[in-house]
Amino acid sequence: FTISRDNVRNTVYLQMNSLKPEDTAVYYCNKFPGFWDWGQGTQVTVSS
């Protein structure tokens, strides 16, 4: 996985390669440490 950010667009990215079934989850972004309110997340499902 590779995380990156664009401070002009207020966007953070997560490039996920070589995915495994155990990567299946709902993915969220937030600040670190401590949290703002959580978003709805995005579902990632990896089939074997």
All heavy atoms as atom14 arrays in JSON, in Angstrom:
{
  "sequence": "FTISRDNVRNTVYLQMNSLKPEDTAVYYCNKFPGFWDWGQGTQVTVSS",
  "atom14_mask": [
    [1, 1, 1, 1, 1, 1, 1, 1, 1, 1, 1, 0, 0, 0],
    [1, 1, 1, 1, 1, 1, 1, 0, 0, 0, 0, 0, 0, 0],
    [1, 1, 1, 1, 1, 1, 1, 1, 0, 0, 0, 0, 0, 0],
    [1, 1, 1, 1, 1, 1, 0, 0, 0, 0, 0, 0, 0, 0],
    [1, 1, 1, 1, 1, 1, 1, 1, 1, 1, 1, 0, 0, 0],
    [1, 1, 1, 1, 1, 1, 1, 1, 0, 0, 0, 0, 0, 0],
    [1, 1, 1, 1, 1, 1, 1, 1, 0, 0, 0, 0, 0, 0],
    [1, 1, 1, 1, 1, 1, 1, 0, 0, 0, 0, 0, 0, 0],
    [1, 1, 1, 1, 1, 1, 1, 1, 1, 1, 1, 0, 0, 0],
    [1, 1, 1, 1, 1, 1, 1, 1, 0, 0, 0, 0, 0, 0],
    [1, 1, 1, 1, 1, 1, 1, 0, 0, 0, 0, 0, 0, 0],
    [1, 1, 1, 1, 1, 1, 1, 0, 0, 0, 0, 0, 0, 0],
    [1, 1, 1, 1, 1, 1, 1, 1, 1, 1, 1, 1, 0, 0],
    [1, 1, 1, 1, 1, 1, 1, 1, 0, 0, 0, 0, 0, 0],
    [1, 1, 1, 1, 1, 1, 1, 1, 1, 0, 0, 0, 0, 0],
    [1, 1, 1, 1, 1, 1, 1, 1, 0, 0, 0, 0, 0, 0],
    [1, 1, 1, 1, 1, 1, 1, 1, 0, 0, 0, 0, 0, 0],
    [1, 1, 1, 1, 1, 1, 0, 0, 0, 0, 0, 0, 0, 0],
    [1, 1, 1, 1, 1, 1, 1, 1, 0, 0, 0, 0, 0, 0],
    [1, 1, 1, 1, 1, 1, 1, 1, 1, 0, 0, 0, 0, 0],
    [1, 1, 1, 1, 1, 1, 1, 0, 0, 0, 0, 0, 0, 0],
    [1, 1, 1, 1, 1, 1, 1, 1, 1, 0, 0, 0, 0, 0],
    [1, 1, 1, 1, 1, 1, 1, 1, 0, 0, 0, 0, 0, 0],
    [1, 1, 1, 1, 1, 1, 1, 0, 0, 0, 0, 0, 0, 0],
    [1, 1, 1, 1, 1, 0, 0, 0, 0, 0, 0, 0, 0, 0],
    [1, 1, 1, 1, 1, 1, 1, 0, 0, 0, 0, 0, 0, 0],
    [1, 1, 1, 1, 1, 1, 1, 1, 1, 1, 1, 1, 0, 0],
    [1, 1, 1, 1, 1, 1, 1, 1, 1, 1, 1, 1, 0, 0],
    [1, 1, 1, 1, 1, 1, 0, 0, 0, 0, 0, 0, 0, 0],
    [1, 1, 1, 1, 1, 1, 1, 1, 0, 0, 0, 0, 0, 0],
    [1, 1, 1, 1, 1, 1, 1, 1, 1, 0, 0, 0, 0, 0],
    [1, 1, 1, 1, 1, 1, 1, 1, 1, 1, 1, 0, 0, 0],
    [1, 1, 1, 1, 1, 1, 1, 0, 0, 0, 0, 0, 0, 0],
    [1, 1, 1, 1, 0, 0, 0, 0, 0, 0, 0, 0, 0, 0],
    [1, 1, 1, 1, 1, 1, 1, 1, 1, 1, 1, 0, 0, 0],
    [1, 1, 1, 1, 1, 1, 1, 1, 1, 1, 1, 1, 1, 1],
    [1, 1, 1, 1, 1, 1, 1, 1, 0, 0, 0, 0, 0, 0],
    [1, 1, 1, 1, 1, 1, 1, 1, 1, 1, 1, 1, 1, 1],
    [1, 1, 1, 1, 0, 0, 0, 0, 0, 0, 0, 0, 0, 0],
    [1, 1, 1, 1, 1, 1, 1, 1, 1, 0, 0, 0, 0, 0],
    [1, 1, 1, 1, 0, 0, 0, 0, 0, 0, 0, 0, 0, 0],
    [1, 1, 1, 1, 1, 1, 1, 0, 0, 0, 0, 0, 0, 0],
    [1, 1, 1, 1, 1, 1, 1, 1, 1, 0, 0, 0, 0, 0],
    [1, 1, 1, 1, 1, 1, 1, 0, 0, 0, 0, 0, 0, 0],
    [1, 1, 1, 1, 1, 1, 1, 0, 0, 0, 0, 0, 0, 0],
    [1, 1, 1, 1, 1, 1, 1, 0, 0, 0, 0, 0, 0, 0],
    [1, 1, 1, 1, 1, 1, 0, 0, 0, 0, 0, 0, 0, 0],
    [1, 1, 1, 1, 1, 1, 0, 0, 0, 0, 0, 0, 0, 0]
  ],
  "atom14_positions": [
    [[0.84, -1.2, 0.0], [0.0, 0.0, 0.0], [0.88, 1.25, 0.0], [1.96, 1.26, 0.59], [-0.89, 0.04, 1.23], [-1.99, -0.99, 1.26], [-2.06, -2.03, 0.34], [-2.99, -0.91, 2.23], [-3.08, -2.97, 0.38], [-4.01, -1.84, 2.29], [-4.05, -2.88, 1.37], [0.0, 0.0, 0.0], [0.0, 0.0, 0.0], [0.0, 0.0, 0.0]],
    [[0.38, 2.31, -0.63], [1.07, 3.59, -0.66], [0.07, 4.71, -0.36], [-0.95, 4.83, -1.06], [1.72, 3.85, -2.02], [2.64, 2.78, -2.31], [2.48, 5.17, -2.0], [0.0, 0.0, 0.0], [0.0, 0.0, 0.0], [0.0, 0.0, 0.0], [0.0, 0.0, 0.0], [0.0, 0.0, 0.0], [0.0, 0.0, 0.0], [0.0, 0.0, 0.0]],
    [[0.38, 5.49, 0.66], [-0.47, 6.63, 1.01], [0.15, 7.9, 0.42], [1.37, 8.05, 0.37], [-0.63, 6.75, 2.54], [-1.66, 7.82, 2.91], [0.71, 7.0, 3.23], [-2.0, 7.84, 4.4], [0.0, 0.0, 0.0], [0.0, 0.0, 0.0], [0.0, 0.0, 0.0], [0.0, 0.0, 0.0], [0.0, 0.0, 0.0], [0.0, 0.0, 0.0]],
    [[-0.7, 8.8, -0.04], [-0.24, 10.07, -0.57], [-1.3, 11.12, -0.28], [-2.42, 10.79, 0.11], [0.06, 9.99, -2.07], [-1.11, 9.62, -2.79], [0.0, 0.0, 0.0], [0.0, 0.0, 0.0], [0.0, 0.0, 0.0], [0.0, 0.0, 0.0], [0.0, 0.0, 0.0], [0.0, 0.0, 0.0], [0.0, 0.0, 0.0], [0.0, 0.0, 0.0]],
    [[-0.94, 12.39, -0.49], [-1.9, 13.45, -0.21], [-1.71, 14.6, -1.17], [-0.62, 14.82, -1.69], [-1.78, 13.93, 1.23], [-0.48, 14.65, 1.56], [-0.34, 14.87, 3.08], [-1.34, 15.8, 3.58], [-1.62, 15.93, 4.89], [-0.98, 15.19, 5.79], [-2.54, 16.8, 5.28], [0.0, 0.0, 0.0], [0.0, 0.0, 0.0], [0.0, 0.0, 0.0]],
    [[-2.79, 15.35, -1.37], [-2.78, 16.57, -2.17], [-3.37, 17.65, -1.29], [-4.59, 17.71, -1.09], [-3.61, 16.36, -3.44], [-3.58, 17.55, -4.37], [-3.36, 18.68, -3.88], [-3.77, 17.37, -5.58], [0.0, 0.0, 0.0], [0.0, 0.0, 0.0], [0.0, 0.0, 0.0], [0.0, 0.0, 0.0], [0.0, 0.0, 0.0], [0.0, 0.0, 0.0]],
    [[-2.52, 18.51, -0.74], [-2.98, 19.53, 0.2], [-3.76, 20.65, -0.49], [-4.47, 21.4, 0.19], [-1.8, 20.11, 0.97], [-1.22, 19.12, 1.96], [-1.9, 18.21, 2.41], [0.05, 19.29, 2.28], [0.0, 0.0, 0.0], [0.0, 0.0, 0.0], [0.0, 0.0, 0.0], [0.0, 0.0, 0.0], [0.0, 0.0, 0.0], [0.0, 0.0, 0.0]],
    [[-3.63, 20.79, -1.78], [-4.41, 21.79, -2.51], [-5.85, 21.3, -2.66], [-6.8, 22.07, -2.48], [-3.8, 22.07, -3.89], [-4.7, 22.99, -4.7], [-2.41, 22.68, -3.72], [0.0, 0.0, 0.0], [0.0, 0.0, 0.0], [0.0, 0.0, 0.0], [0.0, 0.0, 0.0], [0.0, 0.0, 0.0], [0.0, 0.0, 0.0], [0.0, 0.0, 0.0]],
    [[-6.0, 20.04, -2.97], [-7.33, 19.45, -3.14], [-7.9, 18.87, -1.85], [-9.01, 18.31, -1.86], [-7.28, 18.36, -4.21], [-7.01, 18.86, -5.61], [-6.99, 17.74, -6.63], [-6.93, 18.23, -8.0], [-5.82, 18.59, -8.62], [-4.66, 18.53, -7.97], [-5.86, 19.04, -9.86], [0.0, 0.0, 0.0], [0.0, 0.0, 0.0], [0.0, 0.0, 0.0]],
    [[-7.17, 19.0, -0.74], [-7.63, 18.44, 0.54], [-8.02, 16.98, 0.4], [-9.08, 16.54, 0.87], [-8.83, 19.24, 1.09], [-8.42, 20.58, 1.67], [-7.25, 20.93, 1.71], [-9.4, 21.35, 2.12], [0.0, 0.0, 0.0], [0.0, 0.0, 0.0], [0.0, 0.0, 0.0], [0.0, 0.0, 0.0], [0.0, 0.0, 0.0], [0.0, 0.0, 0.0]],
    [[-7.16, 16.22, -0.24], [-7.47, 14.82, -0.52], [-6.29, 13.94, -0.13], [-5.13, 14.3, -0.36], [-7.8, 14.63, -2.01], [-8.92, 15.47, -2.35], [-8.17, 13.18, -2.3], [0.0, 0.0, 0.0], [0.0, 0.0, 0.0], [0.0, 0.0, 0.0], [0.0, 0.0, 0.0], [0.0, 0.0, 0.0], [0.0, 0.0, 0.0], [0.0, 0.0, 0.0]],
    [[-6.6, 12.79, 0.43], [-5.59, 11.79, 0.73], [-5.95, 10.51, -0.02], [-7.14, 10.2, -0.19], [-5.48, 11.55, 2.25], [-6.77, 11.04, 2.84], [-4.32, 10.62, 2.58], [0.0, 0.0, 0.0], [0.0, 0.0, 0.0], [0.0, 0.0, 0.0], [0.0, 0.0, 0.0], [0.0, 0.0, 0.0], [0.0, 0.0, 0.0], [0.0, 0.0, 0.0]],
    [[-4.95, 9.81, -0.5], [-5.15, 8.63, -1.34], [-4.51, 7.4, -0.69], [-3.58, 7.52, 0.11], [-4.52, 8.84, -2.71], [-5.0, 10.07, -3.43], [-4.27, 11.26, -3.37], [-6.18, 10.06, -4.16], [-4.71, 12.4, -4.03], [-6.63, 11.19, -4.83], [-5.89, 12.36, -4.75], [-6.33, 13.48, -5.4], [0.0, 0.0, 0.0], [0.0, 0.0, 0.0]],
    [[-5.01, 6.24, -1.08], [-4.39, 4.99, -0.68], [-4.36, 4.07, -1.9], [-5.41, 3.6, -2.34], [-5.14, 4.33, 0.47], [-4.45, 3.09, 1.05], [-3.16, 3.49, 1.79], [-5.39, 2.34, 2.01], [0.0, 0.0, 0.0], [0.0, 0.0, 0.0], [0.0, 0.0, 0.0], [0.0, 0.0, 0.0], [0.0, 0.0, 0.0], [0.0, 0.0, 0.0]],
    [[-3.17, 3.9, -2.45], [-2.99, 2.96, -3.56], [-2.73, 1.59, -2.95], [-1.78, 1.41, -2.18], [-1.81, 3.39, -4.43], [-1.5, 2.41, -5.56], [-2.59, 2.36, -6.6], [-3.13, 3.39, -7.0], [-2.95, 1.16, -7.04], [0.0, 0.0, 0.0], [0.0, 0.0, 0.0], [0.0, 0.0, 0.0], [0.0, 0.0, 0.0], [0.0, 0.0, 0.0]],
    [[-3.57, 0.64, -3.3], [-3.47, -0.7, -2.73], [-3.15, -1.69, -3.85], [-3.95, -1.87, -4.77], [-4.79, -1.08, -2.04], [-5.24, -0.07, -1.0], [-6.67, -0.62, -0.05], [-7.89, -0.74, -1.36], [0.0, 0.0, 0.0], [0.0, 0.0, 0.0], [0.0, 0.0, 0.0], [0.0, 0.0, 0.0], [0.0, 0.0, 0.0], [0.0, 0.0, 0.0]],
    [[-2.0, -2.3, -3.77], [-1.56, -3.29, -4.75], [-1.43, -4.65, -4.08], [-1.38, -4.76, -2.86], [-0.24, -2.88, -5.36], [-0.31, -1.56, -6.11], [-1.34, -1.22, -6.68], [0.79, -0.82, -6.1], [0.0, 0.0, 0.0], [0.0, 0.0, 0.0], [0.0, 0.0, 0.0], [0.0, 0.0, 0.0], [0.0, 0.0, 0.0], [0.0, 0.0, 0.0]],
    [[-1.33, -5.69, -4.9], [-1.16, -7.06, -4.38], [-2.17, -7.36, -3.29], [-1.81, -7.87, -2.21], [0.27, -7.24, -3.86], [1.21, -6.98, -4.88], [0.0, 0.0, 0.0], [0.0, 0.0, 0.0], [0.0, 0.0, 0.0], [0.0, 0.0, 0.0], [0.0, 0.0, 0.0], [0.0, 0.0, 0.0], [0.0, 0.0, 0.0], [0.0, 0.0, 0.0]],
    [[-3.41, -7.06, -3.56], [-4.44, -7.22, -2.56], [-4.61, -8.68, -2.14], [-4.42, -9.6, -2.96], [-5.77, -6.67, -3.09], [-5.89, -5.14, -3.08], [-7.02, -4.68, -3.97], [-6.06, -4.61, -1.67], [0.0, 0.0, 0.0], [0.0, 0.0, 0.0], [0.0, 0.0, 0.0], [0.0, 0.0, 0.0], [0.0, 0.0, 0.0], [0.0, 0.0, 0.0]],
    [[-4.97, -8.85, -0.87], [-5.2, -10.17, -0.3], [-6.62, -10.24, 0.26], [-7.18, -9.2, 0.64], [-4.2, -10.43, 0.84], [-2.74, -10.33, 0.43], [-1.84, -10.51, 1.64], [-0.37, -10.41, 1.26], [0.52, -10.59, 2.44], [0.0, 0.0, 0.0], [0.0, 0.0, 0.0], [0.0, 0.0, 0.0], [0.0, 0.0, 0.0], [0.0, 0.0, 0.0]],
    [[-7.19, -11.41, 0.37], [-8.54, -11.52, 0.95], [-8.62, -10.9, 2.34], [-9.66, -10.34, 2.71], [-8.77, -13.03, 0.99], [-7.97, -13.55, -0.15], [-6.73, -12.7, -0.18], [0.0, 0.0, 0.0], [0.0, 0.0, 0.0], [0.0, 0.0, 0.0], [0.0, 0.0, 0.0], [0.0, 0.0, 0.0], [0.0, 0.0, 0.0], [0.0, 0.0, 0.0]],
    [[-7.55, -10.95, 3.1], [-7.56, -10.37, 4.45], [-7.55, -8.84, 4.44], [-7.67, -8.22, 5.5], [-6.39, -10.9, 5.29], [-5.03, -10.8, 4.62], [-4.61, -12.1, 3.94], [-5.46, -12.72, 3.25], [-3.43, -12.47, 4.09], [0.0, 0.0, 0.0], [0.0, 0.0, 0.0], [0.0, 0.0, 0.0], [0.0, 0.0, 0.0], [0.0, 0.0, 0.0]],
    [[-7.44, -8.24, 3.27], [-7.58, -6.78, 3.17], [-9.05, -6.36, 3.1], [-9.35, -5.17, 3.13], [-6.86, -6.25, 1.93], [-5.36, -6.44, 2.0], [-4.78, -6.26, 3.09], [-4.76, -6.78, 0.96], [0.0, 0.0, 0.0], [0.0, 0.0, 0.0], [0.0, 0.0, 0.0], [0.0, 0.0, 0.0], [0.0, 0.0, 0.0], [0.0, 0.0, 0.0]],
    [[-9.94, -7.32, 3.0], [-11.36, -7.02, 2.95], [-11.8, -6.29, 4.21], [-11.58, -6.78, 5.33], [-12.17, -8.31, 2.78], [-11.88, -8.88, 1.51], [-13.67, -8.03, 2.87], [0.0, 0.0, 0.0], [0.0, 0.0, 0.0], [0.0, 0.0, 0.0], [0.0, 0.0, 0.0], [0.0, 0.0, 0.0], [0.0, 0.0, 0.0], [0.0, 0.0, 0.0]],
    [[-12.38, -5.11, 4.04], [-12.77, -4.27, 5.18], [-13.44, -3.01, 4.65], [-13.41, -2.74, 3.44], [-11.55, -3.89, 6.02], [0.0, 0.0, 0.0], [0.0, 0.0, 0.0], [0.0, 0.0, 0.0], [0.0, 0.0, 0.0], [0.0, 0.0, 0.0], [0.0, 0.0, 0.0], [0.0, 0.0, 0.0], [0.0, 0.0, 0.0], [0.0, 0.0, 0.0]],
    [[-14.02, -2.24, 5.55], [-14.43, -0.89, 5.24], [-13.25, 0.02, 5.58], [-12.7, -0.06, 6.68], [-15.68, -0.47, 6.03], [-16.06, 0.98, 5.68], [-16.84, -1.41, 5.72], [0.0, 0.0, 0.0], [0.0, 0.0, 0.0], [0.0, 0.0, 0.0], [0.0, 0.0, 0.0], [0.0, 0.0, 0.0], [0.0, 0.0, 0.0], [0.0, 0.0, 0.0]],
    [[-12.87, 0.86, 4.63], [-11.71, 1.72, 4.8], [-12.17, 3.16, 5.07], [-13.08, 3.67, 4.4], [-10.83, 1.67, 3.55], [-10.0, 0.41, 3.47], [-10.61, -0.82, 3.18], [-8.63, 0.43, 3.69], [-9.86, -1.99, 3.13], [-7.88, -0.73, 3.64], [-8.51, -1.93, 3.36], [-7.75, -3.08, 3.3], [0.0, 0.0, 0.0], [0.0, 0.0, 0.0]],
    [[-11.49, 3.78, 6.02], [-11.8, 5.14, 6.43], [-10.52, 5.98, 6.45], [-9.44, 5.45, 6.68], [-12.37, 5.17, 7.85], [-13.58, 4.31, 8.1], [-13.46, 2.97, 8.43], [-14.86, 4.87, 8.05], [-14.57, 2.19, 8.68], [-15.98, 4.1, 8.31], [-15.83, 2.77, 8.62], [-16.95, 2.0, 8.88], [0.0, 0.0, 0.0], [0.0, 0.0, 0.0]],
    [[-10.67, 7.26, 6.27], [-9.55, 8.16, 6.52], [-9.92, 9.06, 7.7], [-11.1, 9.24, 8.03], [-9.21, 9.01, 5.3], [-10.4, 10.31, 4.95], [0.0, 0.0, 0.0], [0.0, 0.0, 0.0], [0.0, 0.0, 0.0], [0.0, 0.0, 0.0], [0.0, 0.0, 0.0], [0.0, 0.0, 0.0], [0.0, 0.0, 0.0], [0.0, 0.0, 0.0]],
    [[-8.91, 9.59, 8.35], [-9.11, 10.51, 9.45], [-7.76, 11.09, 9.8], [-6.73, 10.67, 9.27], [-9.74, 9.82, 10.66], [-10.67, 10.74, 11.44], [-10.31, 11.87, 11.73], [-11.87, 10.27, 11.74], [0.0, 0.0, 0.0], [0.0, 0.0, 0.0], [0.0, 0.0, 0.0], [0.0, 0.0, 0.0], [0.0, 0.0, 0.0], [0.0, 0.0, 0.0]],
    [[-7.73, 12.05, 10.7], [-6.45, 12.58, 11.11], [-5.78, 11.58, 12.04], [-6.38, 10.61, 12.49], [-6.59, 13.94, 11.76], [-7.36, 13.96, 13.06], [-7.32, 15.36, 13.65], [-8.07, 15.42, 14.96], [-7.93, 16.73, 15.64], [0.0, 0.0, 0.0], [0.0, 0.0, 0.0], [0.0, 0.0, 0.0], [0.0, 0.0, 0.0], [0.0, 0.0, 0.0]],
    [[-4.49, 11.84, 12.33], [-3.72, 10.94, 13.17], [-2.77, 11.77, 14.0], [-1.99, 12.53, 13.46], [-2.91, 9.99, 12.28], [-2.11, 8.97, 13.04], [-2.55, 7.66, 13.13], [-0.92, 9.32, 13.67], [-1.81, 6.72, 13.83], [-0.19, 8.39, 14.37], [-0.64, 7.08, 14.45], [0.0, 0.0, 0.0], [0.0, 0.0, 0.0], [0.0, 0.0, 0.0]],
    [[-2.79, 11.67, 15.33], [-3.74, 10.89, 16.13], [-5.01, 11.68, 16.41], [-5.14, 12.8, 15.95], [-2.96, 10.64, 17.42], [-2.14, 11.89, 17.56], [-1.78, 12.31, 16.16], [0.0, 0.0, 0.0], [0.0, 0.0, 0.0], [0.0, 0.0, 0.0], [0.0, 0.0, 0.0], [0.0, 0.0, 0.0], [0.0, 0.0, 0.0], [0.0, 0.0, 0.0]],
    [[-5.88, 11.1, 17.16], [-7.15, 11.77, 17.44], [-8.02, 11.77, 16.21], [-7.54, 11.58, 15.1], [0.0, 0.0, 0.0], [0.0, 0.0, 0.0], [0.0, 0.0, 0.0], [0.0, 0.0, 0.0], [0.0, 0.0, 0.0], [0.0, 0.0, 0.0], [0.0, 0.0, 0.0], [0.0, 0.0, 0.0], [0.0, 0.0, 0.0], [0.0, 0.0, 0.0]],
    [[-9.28, 11.97, 16.38], [-10.2, 11.8, 15.26], [-11.2, 12.95, 15.14], [-11.69, 13.46, 16.14], [-10.99, 10.5, 15.42], [-10.12, 9.29, 15.62], [-10.14, 8.58, 16.82], [-9.26, 8.88, 14.63], [-9.34, 7.47, 17.0], [-8.45, 7.77, 14.8], [-8.49, 7.06, 15.99], [0.0, 0.0, 0.0], [0.0, 0.0, 0.0], [0.0, 0.0, 0.0]],
    [[-11.46, 13.31, 13.89], [-12.68, 14.06, 13.57], [-13.82, 13.05, 13.5], [-13.6, 11.85, 13.67], [-12.53, 14.76, 12.22], [-11.47, 15.8, 12.17], [-11.27, 16.82, 13.05], [-10.45, 15.96, 11.16], [-10.2, 17.59, 12.67], [-9.68, 17.09, 11.51], [-10.13, 15.25, 9.99], [-8.61, 17.54, 10.74], [-9.07, 15.69, 9.23], [-8.32, 16.82, 9.6]],
    [[-15.03, 13.52, 13.23], [-16.15, 12.59, 13.0], [-15.8, 11.69, 11.81], [-15.26, 12.15, 10.8], [-17.43, 13.36, 12.7], [-17.99, 14.07, 13.93], [-17.57, 13.71, 15.05], [-18.83, 14.97, 13.76], [0.0, 0.0, 0.0], [0.0, 0.0, 0.0], [0.0, 0.0, 0.0], [0.0, 0.0, 0.0], [0.0, 0.0, 0.0], [0.0, 0.0, 0.0]],
    [[-16.13, 10.41, 11.94], [-15.81, 9.47, 10.87], [-16.75, 9.64, 9.67], [-17.93, 9.98, 9.84], [-15.95, 8.04, 11.39], [-14.91, 7.7, 12.41], [-15.03, 7.78, 13.76], [-13.57, 7.26, 12.15], [-13.85, 7.41, 14.37], [-12.94, 7.09, 13.41], [-12.84, 6.98, 11.0], [-11.6, 6.65, 13.54], [-11.52, 6.55, 11.13], [-10.92, 6.39, 12.39]],
    [[-16.22, 9.43, 8.48], [-17.05, 9.4, 7.29], [-17.75, 8.07, 7.16], [-17.71, 7.24, 8.08], [0.0, 0.0, 0.0], [0.0, 0.0, 0.0], [0.0, 0.0, 0.0], [0.0, 0.0, 0.0], [0.0, 0.0, 0.0], [0.0, 0.0, 0.0], [0.0, 0.0, 0.0], [0.0, 0.0, 0.0], [0.0, 0.0, 0.0], [0.0, 0.0, 0.0]],
    [[-18.36, 7.84, 6.02], [-19.12, 6.61, 5.82], [-18.21, 5.44, 5.44], [-18.63, 4.28, 5.52], [-20.2, 6.8, 4.74], [-19.72, 6.64, 3.29], [-18.85, 7.77, 2.81], [-18.73, 8.82, 3.46], [-18.24, 7.6, 1.64], [0.0, 0.0, 0.0], [0.0, 0.0, 0.0], [0.0, 0.0, 0.0], [0.0, 0.0, 0.0], [0.0, 0.0, 0.0]],
    [[-16.99, 5.74, 5.06], [-16.07, 4.68, 4.66], [-16.36, 4.18, 3.26], [-17.37, 4.54, 2.62], [0.0, 0.0, 0.0], [0.0, 0.0, 0.0], [0.0, 0.0, 0.0], [0.0, 0.0, 0.0], [0.0, 0.0, 0.0], [0.0, 0.0, 0.0], [0.0, 0.0, 0.0], [0.0, 0.0, 0.0], [0.0, 0.0, 0.0], [0.0, 0.0, 0.0]],
    [[-15.46, 3.35, 2.75], [-15.65, 2.74, 1.44], [-15.3, 1.25, 1.56], [-14.26, 0.89, 2.12], [-14.82, 3.45, 0.36], [-15.13, 2.91, -0.93], [-13.32, 3.35, 0.61], [0.0, 0.0, 0.0], [0.0, 0.0, 0.0], [0.0, 0.0, 0.0], [0.0, 0.0, 0.0], [0.0, 0.0, 0.0], [0.0, 0.0, 0.0], [0.0, 0.0, 0.0]],
    [[-16.18, 0.41, 1.06], [-16.02, -1.03, 1.2], [-15.02, -1.58, 0.19], [-15.13, -1.29, -1.02], [-17.37, -1.74, 1.01], [-17.29, -3.25, 1.02], [-17.01, -3.82, 2.4], [-17.66, -3.46, 3.38], [-16.05, -4.74, 2.48], [0.0, 0.0, 0.0], [0.0, 0.0, 0.0], [0.0, 0.0, 0.0], [0.0, 0.0, 0.0], [0.0, 0.0, 0.0]],
    [[-14.08, -2.36, 0.66], [-13.13, -3.09, -0.19], [-13.34, -4.57, 0.06], [-13.27, -5.03, 1.21], [-11.68, -2.68, 0.12], [-10.71, -3.61, -0.61], [-11.44, -1.23, -0.26], [0.0, 0.0, 0.0], [0.0, 0.0, 0.0], [0.0, 0.0, 0.0], [0.0, 0.0, 0.0], [0.0, 0.0, 0.0], [0.0, 0.0, 0.0], [0.0, 0.0, 0.0]],
    [[-13.6, -5.29, -1.0], [-13.78, -6.74, -0.91], [-12.81, -7.42, -1.86], [-12.79, -7.1, -3.05], [-15.22, -7.14, -1.26], [-16.13, -6.44, -0.39], [-15.42, -8.64, -1.1], [0.0, 0.0, 0.0], [0.0, 0.0, 0.0], [0.0, 0.0, 0.0], [0.0, 0.0, 0.0], [0.0, 0.0, 0.0], [0.0, 0.0, 0.0], [0.0, 0.0, 0.0]],
    [[-12.0, -8.3, -1.33], [-10.99, -9.0, -2.13], [-11.34, -10.47, -2.15], [-11.42, -11.12, -1.1], [-9.59, -8.79, -1.56], [-8.55, -9.45, -2.47], [-9.28, -7.3, -1.42], [0.0, 0.0, 0.0], [0.0, 0.0, 0.0], [0.0, 0.0, 0.0], [0.0, 0.0, 0.0], [0.0, 0.0, 0.0], [0.0, 0.0, 0.0], [0.0, 0.0, 0.0]],
    [[-11.54, -10.99, -3.34], [-11.89, -12.4, -3.5], [-10.64, -13.21, -3.79], [-9.71, -12.74, -4.43], [-12.91, -12.56, -4.62], [-12.36, -12.13, -5.85], [0.0, 0.0, 0.0], [0.0, 0.0, 0.0], [0.0, 0.0, 0.0], [0.0, 0.0, 0.0], [0.0, 0.0, 0.0], [0.0, 0.0, 0.0], [0.0, 0.0, 0.0], [0.0, 0.0, 0.0]],
    [[-10.66, -14.44, -3.33], [-9.5, -15.32, -3.54], [-9.6, -16.07, -4.86], [-10.61, -16.05, -5.52], [-9.4, -16.31, -2.38], [-10.59, -17.05, -2.27], [0.0, 0.0, 0.0], [0.0, 0.0, 0.0], [0.0, 0.0, 0.0], [0.0, 0.0, 0.0], [0.0, 0.0, 0.0], [0.0, 0.0, 0.0], [0.0, 0.0, 0.0], [0.0, 0.0, 0.0]]
  ]
}
